[in-house]
Amino acid sequence: MVYADTVSRVNNLHAGALDEGPVDPDACGLARAADLIGDRWTMLILREALFGVTRFDAIQNDIGCPRTILSGRLKRLVEAGVLTRRAYKEPGQRTRYQYVLTRKGVDLALPMIALMQWGEKHCLDGEPGAEIVERATGAPARVSLVNTDGAPISAGETTLRKTGAF
């Protein structure tokens, strides 16, 4: 019954908030984020960066993305300020670049982990290939929704409130 109540509340998340009409996608953070990072290759590039894989060849090898697509996605993430290019040079080699998360990119860690954990729960039939654990203890870590006091709350305890930007 608790599950059904939560589903009902989440399904009614917008109750009253959208009576004035829909939320303009240009003023919606989710829509704008999806425009930037919403395709599979970009998400996998960000996963690699979050796990510390920053060199073009290593990213390409790990995710299997065609080089031209990878190059375009990296350029777009650099232009958006999510990644920055840093030059490096191996002895006897030409200068190359690694792609390092900016503060804006690091801020994607929680939504990316939340999506990964959702995928583990709802899209995998077996054990996940990796899990997020607390560095000090090795205990599994979970992303959760909290209020401004830091207390955990469920999605069913929230509602969408329009702001002046809408």
N, C-alpha and C. Protein backbone atom coordinates (compact mmCIF):
# COMPACT_ATOMS: atom_id res chain seq x y z
N MET A 1 0.82 -1.20 0.00
CA MET A 1 0.00 0.00 0.00
C MET A 1 0.86 1.26 0.00
N VAL A 2 2.00 1.22 0.70
CA VAL A 2 2.89 2.38 0.71
C VAL A 2 3.38 2.67 -0.70
N TYR A 3 3.74 1.61 -1.46
CA TYR A 3 4.20 1.78 -2.83
C TYR A 3 3.11 2.43 -3.68
N ALA A 4 1.89 1.94 -3.59
CA ALA A 4 0.78 2.49 -4.38
C ALA A 4 0.54 3.95 -4.03
N ASP A 5 0.65 4.29 -2.74
CA ASP A 5 0.47 5.67 -2.32
C ASP A 5 1.57 6.56 -2.89
N THR A 6 2.79 6.07 -2.88
CA THR A 6 3.90 6.84 -3.44
C THR A 6 3.72 7.04 -4.93
N VAL A 7 3.33 5.98 -5.66
CA VAL A 7 3.10 6.09 -7.09
C VAL A 7 2.02 7.12 -7.36
N SER A 8 0.94 7.07 -6.59
CA SER A 8 -0.14 8.02 -6.76
C SER A 8 0.36 9.45 -6.54
N ARG A 9 1.16 9.65 -5.50
CA ARG A 9 1.68 10.99 -5.22
C ARG A 9 2.63 11.46 -6.31
N VAL A 10 3.52 10.58 -6.78
CA VAL A 10 4.44 10.96 -7.84
C VAL A 10 3.68 11.24 -9.12
N ASN A 11 2.67 10.44 -9.44
CA ASN A 11 1.87 10.69 -10.63
C ASN A 11 1.14 12.02 -10.54
N ASN A 12 0.90 12.48 -9.34
CA ASN A 12 0.23 13.77 -9.14
C ASN A 12 1.20 14.85 -8.72
N LEU A 13 2.49 14.66 -9.01
CA LEU A 13 3.53 15.61 -8.64
C LEU A 13 3.20 17.03 -9.08
N HIS A 14 2.60 17.12 -10.22
CA HIS A 14 2.29 18.43 -10.79
C HIS A 14 0.99 19.02 -10.25
N ALA A 15 0.28 18.32 -9.40
CA ALA A 15 -1.06 18.74 -8.96
C ALA A 15 -1.07 20.22 -8.60
N GLY A 16 -1.81 20.97 -9.35
CA GLY A 16 -1.97 22.39 -9.09
C GLY A 16 -0.88 23.24 -9.71
N ALA A 17 0.31 22.70 -9.88
CA ALA A 17 1.43 23.51 -10.37
C ALA A 17 1.30 23.86 -11.84
N LEU A 18 0.70 22.98 -12.61
CA LEU A 18 0.64 23.21 -14.04
C LEU A 18 -0.71 23.71 -14.51
N ASP A 19 -1.54 24.14 -13.58
CA ASP A 19 -2.86 24.64 -13.95
C ASP A 19 -2.78 25.83 -14.89
N GLU A 20 -1.66 26.58 -14.83
CA GLU A 20 -1.50 27.75 -15.67
C GLU A 20 -0.96 27.40 -17.05
N GLY A 21 -0.74 26.14 -17.33
CA GLY A 21 -0.20 25.70 -18.62
C GLY A 21 1.09 24.94 -18.42
N PRO A 22 1.62 24.38 -19.50
CA PRO A 22 2.83 23.57 -19.38
C PRO A 22 4.07 24.40 -19.07
N VAL A 23 5.09 23.71 -18.60
CA VAL A 23 6.37 24.36 -18.34
C VAL A 23 7.10 24.51 -19.67
N ASP A 24 7.56 25.70 -19.97
CA ASP A 24 8.30 25.97 -21.20
C ASP A 24 9.60 25.18 -21.18
N PRO A 25 9.85 24.33 -22.19
CA PRO A 25 11.09 23.55 -22.20
C PRO A 25 12.36 24.40 -22.10
N ASP A 26 12.33 25.64 -22.59
CA ASP A 26 13.50 26.50 -22.49
C ASP A 26 13.77 26.96 -21.06
N ALA A 27 12.76 26.86 -20.19
CA ALA A 27 12.93 27.24 -18.79
C ALA A 27 12.95 26.00 -17.89
N CYS A 28 13.11 24.83 -18.47
CA CYS A 28 13.11 23.58 -17.72
C CYS A 28 14.52 23.01 -17.68
N GLY A 29 15.07 22.87 -16.48
CA GLY A 29 16.42 22.33 -16.34
C GLY A 29 16.58 20.94 -16.90
N LEU A 30 15.56 20.09 -16.74
CA LEU A 30 15.63 18.73 -17.27
C LEU A 30 15.70 18.74 -18.79
N ALA A 31 14.86 19.54 -19.43
CA ALA A 31 14.87 19.62 -20.89
C ALA A 31 16.20 20.15 -21.40
N ARG A 32 16.73 21.16 -20.76
CA ARG A 32 18.01 21.74 -21.21
C ARG A 32 19.15 20.75 -20.98
N ALA A 33 19.13 20.04 -19.85
CA ALA A 33 20.17 19.04 -19.59
C ALA A 33 20.10 17.91 -20.60
N ALA A 34 18.88 17.47 -20.93
CA ALA A 34 18.71 16.40 -21.92
C ALA A 34 19.23 16.83 -23.29
N ASP A 35 19.05 18.09 -23.64
CA ASP A 35 19.59 18.59 -24.90
C ASP A 35 21.11 18.46 -24.94
N LEU A 36 21.75 18.68 -23.81
CA LEU A 36 23.21 18.65 -23.74
C LEU A 36 23.77 17.25 -23.57
N ILE A 37 23.19 16.46 -22.67
CA ILE A 37 23.83 15.17 -22.32
C ILE A 37 22.94 13.97 -22.57
N GLY A 38 21.82 14.14 -23.25
CA GLY A 38 20.81 13.09 -23.32
C GLY A 38 21.04 11.94 -24.28
N ASP A 39 22.15 11.88 -25.00
CA ASP A 39 22.34 10.73 -25.88
C ASP A 39 23.31 9.73 -25.25
N ARG A 40 23.25 8.50 -25.71
CA ARG A 40 24.03 7.41 -25.13
C ARG A 40 25.53 7.70 -25.12
N TRP A 41 26.09 8.16 -26.24
CA TRP A 41 27.53 8.39 -26.29
C TRP A 41 27.96 9.45 -25.29
N THR A 42 27.22 10.53 -25.19
CA THR A 42 27.58 11.60 -24.26
C THR A 42 27.52 11.09 -22.82
N MET A 43 26.49 10.33 -22.51
CA MET A 43 26.38 9.78 -21.15
C MET A 43 27.56 8.86 -20.84
N LEU A 44 27.96 8.05 -21.79
CA LEU A 44 29.09 7.14 -21.56
C LEU A 44 30.41 7.90 -21.46
N ILE A 45 30.57 8.96 -22.23
CA ILE A 45 31.75 9.81 -22.11
C ILE A 45 31.82 10.41 -20.71
N LEU A 46 30.70 10.90 -20.23
CA LEU A 46 30.66 11.49 -18.89
C LEU A 46 30.93 10.44 -17.82
N ARG A 47 30.40 9.24 -18.00
CA ARG A 47 30.69 8.15 -17.07
C ARG A 47 32.20 7.92 -16.99
N GLU A 48 32.84 7.84 -18.15
CA GLU A 48 34.28 7.63 -18.18
C GLU A 48 35.02 8.75 -17.46
N ALA A 49 34.64 10.00 -17.73
CA ALA A 49 35.29 11.14 -17.08
C ALA A 49 35.09 11.09 -15.57
N LEU A 50 33.89 10.72 -15.13
CA LEU A 50 33.63 10.62 -13.70
C LEU A 50 34.46 9.52 -13.05
N PHE A 51 34.80 8.48 -13.82
CA PHE A 51 35.63 7.40 -13.31
C PHE A 51 37.11 7.66 -13.54
N GLY A 52 37.47 8.85 -14.05
CA GLY A 52 38.87 9.23 -14.18
C GLY A 52 39.52 8.89 -15.51
N VAL A 53 38.76 8.43 -16.49
CA VAL A 53 39.30 8.13 -17.81
C VAL A 53 39.19 9.42 -18.63
N THR A 54 40.32 10.01 -18.99
CA THR A 54 40.30 11.34 -19.58
C THR A 54 40.94 11.44 -20.96
N ARG A 55 41.65 10.43 -21.40
CA ARG A 55 42.33 10.49 -22.69
C ARG A 55 41.46 9.93 -23.81
N PHE A 56 41.49 10.61 -24.95
CA PHE A 56 40.64 10.28 -26.09
C PHE A 56 40.69 8.78 -26.41
N ASP A 57 41.91 8.24 -26.60
CA ASP A 57 42.04 6.84 -26.99
C ASP A 57 41.48 5.89 -25.93
N ALA A 58 41.67 6.22 -24.65
CA ALA A 58 41.15 5.37 -23.57
C ALA A 58 39.63 5.42 -23.53
N ILE A 59 39.07 6.61 -23.71
CA ILE A 59 37.61 6.74 -23.73
C ILE A 59 37.06 5.94 -24.92
N GLN A 60 37.67 6.13 -26.09
CA GLN A 60 37.21 5.46 -27.30
C GLN A 60 37.29 3.95 -27.14
N ASN A 61 38.38 3.47 -26.57
CA ASN A 61 38.55 2.04 -26.35
C ASN A 61 37.51 1.49 -25.37
N ASP A 62 37.24 2.22 -24.29
CA ASP A 62 36.31 1.75 -23.25
C ASP A 62 34.87 1.68 -23.74
N ILE A 63 34.43 2.70 -24.49
CA ILE A 63 33.01 2.76 -24.85
C ILE A 63 32.73 2.31 -26.28
N GLY A 64 33.77 2.20 -27.12
CA GLY A 64 33.57 1.73 -28.49
C GLY A 64 32.92 2.73 -29.41
N CYS A 65 32.98 3.98 -29.06
CA CYS A 65 32.36 5.04 -29.87
C CYS A 65 33.22 5.32 -31.11
N PRO A 66 32.60 5.47 -32.27
CA PRO A 66 33.37 5.86 -33.45
C PRO A 66 34.12 7.18 -33.19
N ARG A 67 35.34 7.27 -33.69
CA ARG A 67 36.21 8.42 -33.41
C ARG A 67 35.57 9.75 -33.79
N THR A 68 34.90 9.81 -34.93
CA THR A 68 34.30 11.07 -35.36
C THR A 68 33.18 11.51 -34.42
N ILE A 69 32.39 10.55 -33.96
CA ILE A 69 31.31 10.87 -33.01
C ILE A 69 31.91 11.30 -31.68
N LEU A 70 32.92 10.57 -31.21
CA LEU A 70 33.56 10.92 -29.94
C LEU A 70 34.14 12.32 -30.01
N SER A 71 34.81 12.64 -31.09
CA SER A 71 35.40 13.96 -31.25
C SER A 71 34.33 15.05 -31.17
N GLY A 72 33.22 14.85 -31.86
CA GLY A 72 32.13 15.83 -31.84
C GLY A 72 31.51 15.99 -30.46
N ARG A 73 31.30 14.87 -29.77
CA ARG A 73 30.69 14.94 -28.43
C ARG A 73 31.64 15.63 -27.44
N LEU A 74 32.93 15.32 -27.52
CA LEU A 74 33.90 15.96 -26.64
C LEU A 74 33.95 17.47 -26.90
N LYS A 75 33.94 17.86 -28.18
CA LYS A 75 33.94 19.29 -28.53
C LYS A 75 32.73 19.99 -27.94
N ARG A 76 31.58 19.36 -28.05
CA ARG A 76 30.34 19.96 -27.53
C ARG A 76 30.40 20.10 -26.00
N LEU A 77 30.92 19.09 -25.31
CA LEU A 77 31.03 19.15 -23.85
C LEU A 77 32.04 20.20 -23.40
N VAL A 78 33.11 20.39 -24.18
CA VAL A 78 34.08 21.45 -23.88
C VAL A 78 33.43 22.81 -24.09
N GLU A 79 32.73 22.99 -25.21
CA GLU A 79 32.06 24.26 -25.50
C GLU A 79 31.01 24.60 -24.44
N ALA A 80 30.37 23.58 -23.88
CA ALA A 80 29.34 23.80 -22.85
C ALA A 80 29.94 24.00 -21.46
N GLY A 81 31.25 23.85 -21.34
CA GLY A 81 31.90 24.06 -20.05
C GLY A 81 31.80 22.87 -19.10
N VAL A 82 31.45 21.70 -19.62
CA VAL A 82 31.36 20.49 -18.80
C VAL A 82 32.72 19.82 -18.68
N LEU A 83 33.49 19.89 -19.76
CA LEU A 83 34.86 19.36 -19.79
C LEU A 83 35.81 20.47 -20.20
N THR A 84 37.07 20.31 -19.85
CA THR A 84 38.11 21.21 -20.35
C THR A 84 39.21 20.36 -20.95
N ARG A 85 39.86 20.90 -21.96
CA ARG A 85 40.96 20.18 -22.61
C ARG A 85 42.27 20.56 -21.94
N ARG A 86 43.08 19.56 -21.63
CA ARG A 86 44.42 19.78 -21.08
C ARG A 86 45.42 19.05 -21.94
N ALA A 87 46.44 19.79 -22.37
CA ALA A 87 47.48 19.19 -23.20
C ALA A 87 48.37 18.28 -22.37
N TYR A 88 48.83 17.21 -23.00
CA TYR A 88 49.85 16.34 -22.41
C TYR A 88 50.70 15.80 -23.56
N LYS A 89 51.90 15.37 -23.22
CA LYS A 89 52.79 14.86 -24.26
C LYS A 89 53.62 13.72 -23.69
N GLU A 90 53.48 12.56 -24.31
CA GLU A 90 54.31 11.41 -23.97
C GLU A 90 55.67 11.60 -24.64
N PRO A 91 56.73 11.12 -24.04
CA PRO A 91 58.06 11.26 -24.66
C PRO A 91 58.07 10.70 -26.09
N GLY A 92 58.56 11.52 -27.03
CA GLY A 92 58.66 11.10 -28.42
C GLY A 92 57.35 11.16 -29.20
N GLN A 93 56.30 11.63 -28.58
CA GLN A 93 54.98 11.70 -29.22
C GLN A 93 54.56 13.16 -29.42
N ARG A 94 53.55 13.36 -30.23
CA ARG A 94 52.99 14.70 -30.43
C ARG A 94 52.13 15.08 -29.22
N THR A 95 51.84 16.35 -29.11
CA THR A 95 50.97 16.82 -28.05
C THR A 95 49.56 16.30 -28.28
N ARG A 96 48.97 15.79 -27.24
CA ARG A 96 47.59 15.31 -27.29
C ARG A 96 46.82 16.01 -26.17
N TYR A 97 45.52 15.69 -26.09
CA TYR A 97 44.67 16.33 -25.07
C TYR A 97 43.93 15.28 -24.26
N GLN A 98 43.77 15.62 -23.00
CA GLN A 98 42.88 14.84 -22.15
C GLN A 98 41.69 15.74 -21.82
N TYR A 99 40.59 15.12 -21.48
CA TYR A 99 39.34 15.83 -21.25
C TYR A 99 38.96 15.65 -19.79
N VAL A 100 39.04 16.74 -19.04
CA VAL A 100 38.89 16.72 -17.60
C VAL A 100 37.60 17.45 -17.22
N LEU A 101 36.90 16.90 -16.25
CA LEU A 101 35.66 17.53 -15.78
C LEU A 101 35.94 18.90 -15.17
N THR A 102 35.09 19.85 -15.49
CA THR A 102 35.10 21.15 -14.83
C THR A 102 34.20 21.03 -13.59
N ARG A 103 34.04 22.10 -12.87
CA ARG A 103 33.10 22.10 -11.73
C ARG A 103 31.70 21.75 -12.22
N LYS A 104 31.32 22.29 -13.34
CA LYS A 104 30.02 21.99 -13.95
C LYS A 104 29.91 20.50 -14.24
N GLY A 105 30.97 19.90 -14.72
CA GLY A 105 30.97 18.47 -15.00
C GLY A 105 30.92 17.63 -13.74
N VAL A 106 31.67 18.03 -12.73
CA VAL A 106 31.66 17.30 -11.45
C VAL A 106 30.26 17.33 -10.85
N ASP A 107 29.54 18.43 -11.06
CA ASP A 107 28.18 18.53 -10.54
C ASP A 107 27.22 17.53 -11.18
N LEU A 108 27.64 16.90 -12.27
CA LEU A 108 26.82 15.85 -12.89
C LEU A 108 26.94 14.51 -12.18
N ALA A 109 27.86 14.39 -11.22
CA ALA A 109 28.08 13.09 -10.56
C ALA A 109 26.79 12.54 -9.94
N LEU A 110 26.09 13.33 -9.16
CA LEU A 110 24.89 12.81 -8.50
C LEU A 110 23.79 12.40 -9.47
N PRO A 111 23.43 13.24 -10.46
CA PRO A 111 22.40 12.76 -11.39
C PRO A 111 22.86 11.55 -12.20
N MET A 112 24.13 11.48 -12.54
CA MET A 112 24.63 10.32 -13.30
C MET A 112 24.58 9.06 -12.43
N ILE A 113 24.97 9.18 -11.17
CA ILE A 113 24.91 8.03 -10.25
C ILE A 113 23.47 7.62 -10.04
N ALA A 114 22.58 8.60 -9.88
CA ALA A 114 21.16 8.28 -9.69
C ALA A 114 20.62 7.52 -10.91
N LEU A 115 20.97 7.96 -12.10
CA LEU A 115 20.51 7.27 -13.31
C LEU A 115 21.13 5.88 -13.41
N MET A 116 22.40 5.76 -13.05
CA MET A 116 23.05 4.45 -13.05
C MET A 116 22.34 3.49 -12.09
N GLN A 117 22.02 3.98 -10.90
CA GLN A 117 21.36 3.14 -9.91
C GLN A 117 19.93 2.79 -10.35
N TRP A 118 19.26 3.71 -11.01
CA TRP A 118 17.94 3.41 -11.55
C TRP A 118 18.06 2.31 -12.60
N GLY A 119 19.06 2.44 -13.49
CA GLY A 119 19.28 1.42 -14.52
C GLY A 119 19.60 0.06 -13.93
N GLU A 120 20.38 0.04 -12.85
CA GLU A 120 20.70 -1.23 -12.19
C GLU A 120 19.43 -1.89 -11.65
N LYS A 121 18.55 -1.09 -11.11
CA LYS A 121 17.32 -1.60 -10.51
C LYS A 121 16.31 -2.06 -11.56
N HIS A 122 16.19 -1.31 -12.64
CA HIS A 122 15.10 -1.55 -13.58
C HIS A 122 15.50 -2.08 -14.96
N CYS A 123 16.77 -2.07 -15.29
CA CYS A 123 17.18 -2.44 -16.65
C CYS A 123 18.14 -3.62 -16.72
N LEU A 124 18.76 -4.00 -15.63
CA LEU A 124 19.70 -5.11 -15.65
C LEU A 124 19.04 -6.38 -15.13
N ASP A 125 19.43 -7.50 -15.70
CA ASP A 125 18.91 -8.79 -15.25
C ASP A 125 19.84 -9.49 -14.27
N GLY A 126 21.01 -8.94 -14.05
CA GLY A 126 21.97 -9.57 -13.15
C GLY A 126 22.73 -8.53 -12.35
N GLU A 127 23.89 -8.93 -11.90
CA GLU A 127 24.74 -8.02 -11.13
C GLU A 127 25.24 -6.88 -12.01
N PRO A 128 25.29 -5.67 -11.48
CA PRO A 128 25.86 -4.57 -12.25
C PRO A 128 27.37 -4.75 -12.42
N GLY A 129 27.92 -4.10 -13.44
CA GLY A 129 29.35 -4.19 -13.70
C GLY A 129 30.19 -3.41 -12.72
N ALA A 130 29.58 -2.48 -12.01
CA ALA A 130 30.29 -1.66 -11.02
C ALA A 130 29.25 -1.12 -10.05
N GLU A 131 29.71 -0.68 -8.90
CA GLU A 131 28.81 -0.03 -7.95
C GLU A 131 29.53 1.11 -7.27
N ILE A 132 28.78 2.05 -6.78
CA ILE A 132 29.33 3.18 -6.05
C ILE A 132 29.41 2.79 -4.58
N VAL A 133 30.62 2.94 -4.02
CA VAL A 133 30.83 2.59 -2.61
C VAL A 133 31.52 3.74 -1.89
N GLU A 134 31.34 3.76 -0.59
CA GLU A 134 32.02 4.75 0.23
C GLU A 134 33.50 4.41 0.26
N ARG A 135 34.33 5.37 -0.07
CA ARG A 135 35.77 5.15 -0.17
C ARG A 135 36.36 4.62 1.14
N ALA A 136 35.98 5.19 2.28
CA ALA A 136 36.58 4.83 3.57
C ALA A 136 36.19 3.43 4.04
N THR A 137 34.94 3.02 3.75
CA THR A 137 34.45 1.76 4.32
C THR A 137 34.18 0.67 3.29
N GLY A 138 34.01 1.07 2.04
CA GLY A 138 33.64 0.10 1.01
C GLY A 138 32.16 -0.23 1.00
N ALA A 139 31.40 0.42 1.88
CA ALA A 139 29.95 0.17 1.95
C ALA A 139 29.25 0.81 0.75
N PRO A 140 28.24 0.11 0.18
CA PRO A 140 27.51 0.69 -0.96
C PRO A 140 26.89 2.03 -0.59
N ALA A 141 26.90 2.95 -1.55
CA ALA A 141 26.32 4.28 -1.36
C ALA A 141 25.14 4.43 -2.31
N ARG A 142 24.11 5.13 -1.88
CA ARG A 142 22.91 5.35 -2.69
C ARG A 142 22.64 6.86 -2.78
N VAL A 143 22.12 7.27 -3.90
CA VAL A 143 21.68 8.65 -4.07
C VAL A 143 20.27 8.74 -3.50
N SER A 144 19.98 9.82 -2.79
CA SER A 144 18.62 9.98 -2.25
C SER A 144 18.21 11.44 -2.32
N LEU A 145 16.92 11.66 -2.18
CA LEU A 145 16.33 12.99 -2.18
C LEU A 145 16.26 13.46 -0.73
N VAL A 146 16.74 14.68 -0.48
CA VAL A 146 16.69 15.23 0.88
C VAL A 146 16.11 16.64 0.83
N ASN A 147 15.56 17.06 1.96
CA ASN A 147 15.08 18.44 2.03
C ASN A 147 16.24 19.37 2.39
N THR A 148 15.97 20.65 2.54
CA THR A 148 17.05 21.61 2.79
C THR A 148 17.72 21.41 4.14
N ASP A 149 17.09 20.67 5.04
CA ASP A 149 17.71 20.35 6.32
C ASP A 149 18.55 19.07 6.25
N GLY A 150 18.54 18.41 5.09
CA GLY A 150 19.31 17.19 4.91
C GLY A 150 18.57 15.92 5.28
N ALA A 151 17.29 16.03 5.64
CA ALA A 151 16.50 14.85 6.00
C ALA A 151 15.98 14.16 4.74
N PRO A 152 16.08 12.83 4.66
CA PRO A 152 15.58 12.11 3.49
C PRO A 152 14.07 12.26 3.34
N ILE A 153 13.64 12.43 2.08
CA ILE A 153 12.21 12.47 1.75
C ILE A 153 11.99 11.64 0.49
N SER A 154 10.76 11.21 0.28
CA SER A 154 10.45 10.43 -0.93
C SER A 154 9.95 11.38 -2.01
N ALA A 155 9.99 10.92 -3.26
CA ALA A 155 9.47 11.72 -4.37
C ALA A 155 8.00 12.04 -4.16
N GLY A 156 7.27 11.12 -3.51
CA GLY A 156 5.86 11.33 -3.25
C GLY A 156 5.58 12.46 -2.26
N GLU A 157 6.62 12.90 -1.55
CA GLU A 157 6.47 14.00 -0.60
C GLU A 157 6.81 15.35 -1.22
N THR A 158 6.98 15.36 -2.54
CA THR A 158 7.34 16.60 -3.22
C THR A 158 6.23 17.02 -4.17
N THR A 159 6.31 18.24 -4.64
CA THR A 159 5.42 18.75 -5.68
C THR A 159 6.20 19.71 -6.52
N LEU A 160 5.75 19.94 -7.72
CA LEU A 160 6.38 20.89 -8.63
C LEU A 160 5.79 22.26 -8.38
N ARG A 161 6.64 23.22 -8.08
CA ARG A 161 6.18 24.58 -7.86
C ARG A 161 6.77 25.46 -8.95
N LYS A 162 5.93 26.09 -9.73
CA LYS A 162 6.42 26.99 -10.77
C LYS A 162 7.07 28.20 -10.13
N THR A 163 8.08 28.71 -10.84
CA THR A 163 8.76 29.93 -10.39
C THR A 163 8.49 31.02 -11.40
N GLY A 164 9.01 32.20 -11.16
CA GLY A 164 8.82 33.31 -12.07
C GLY A 164 9.40 33.08 -13.45
N ALA A 165 10.36 32.13 -13.56
CA ALA A 165 10.99 31.86 -14.85
C ALA A 165 10.03 31.19 -15.81
N PHE A 166 8.98 30.61 -15.32
CA PHE A 166 8.01 29.93 -16.19
C PHE A 166 7.00 30.90 -16.65
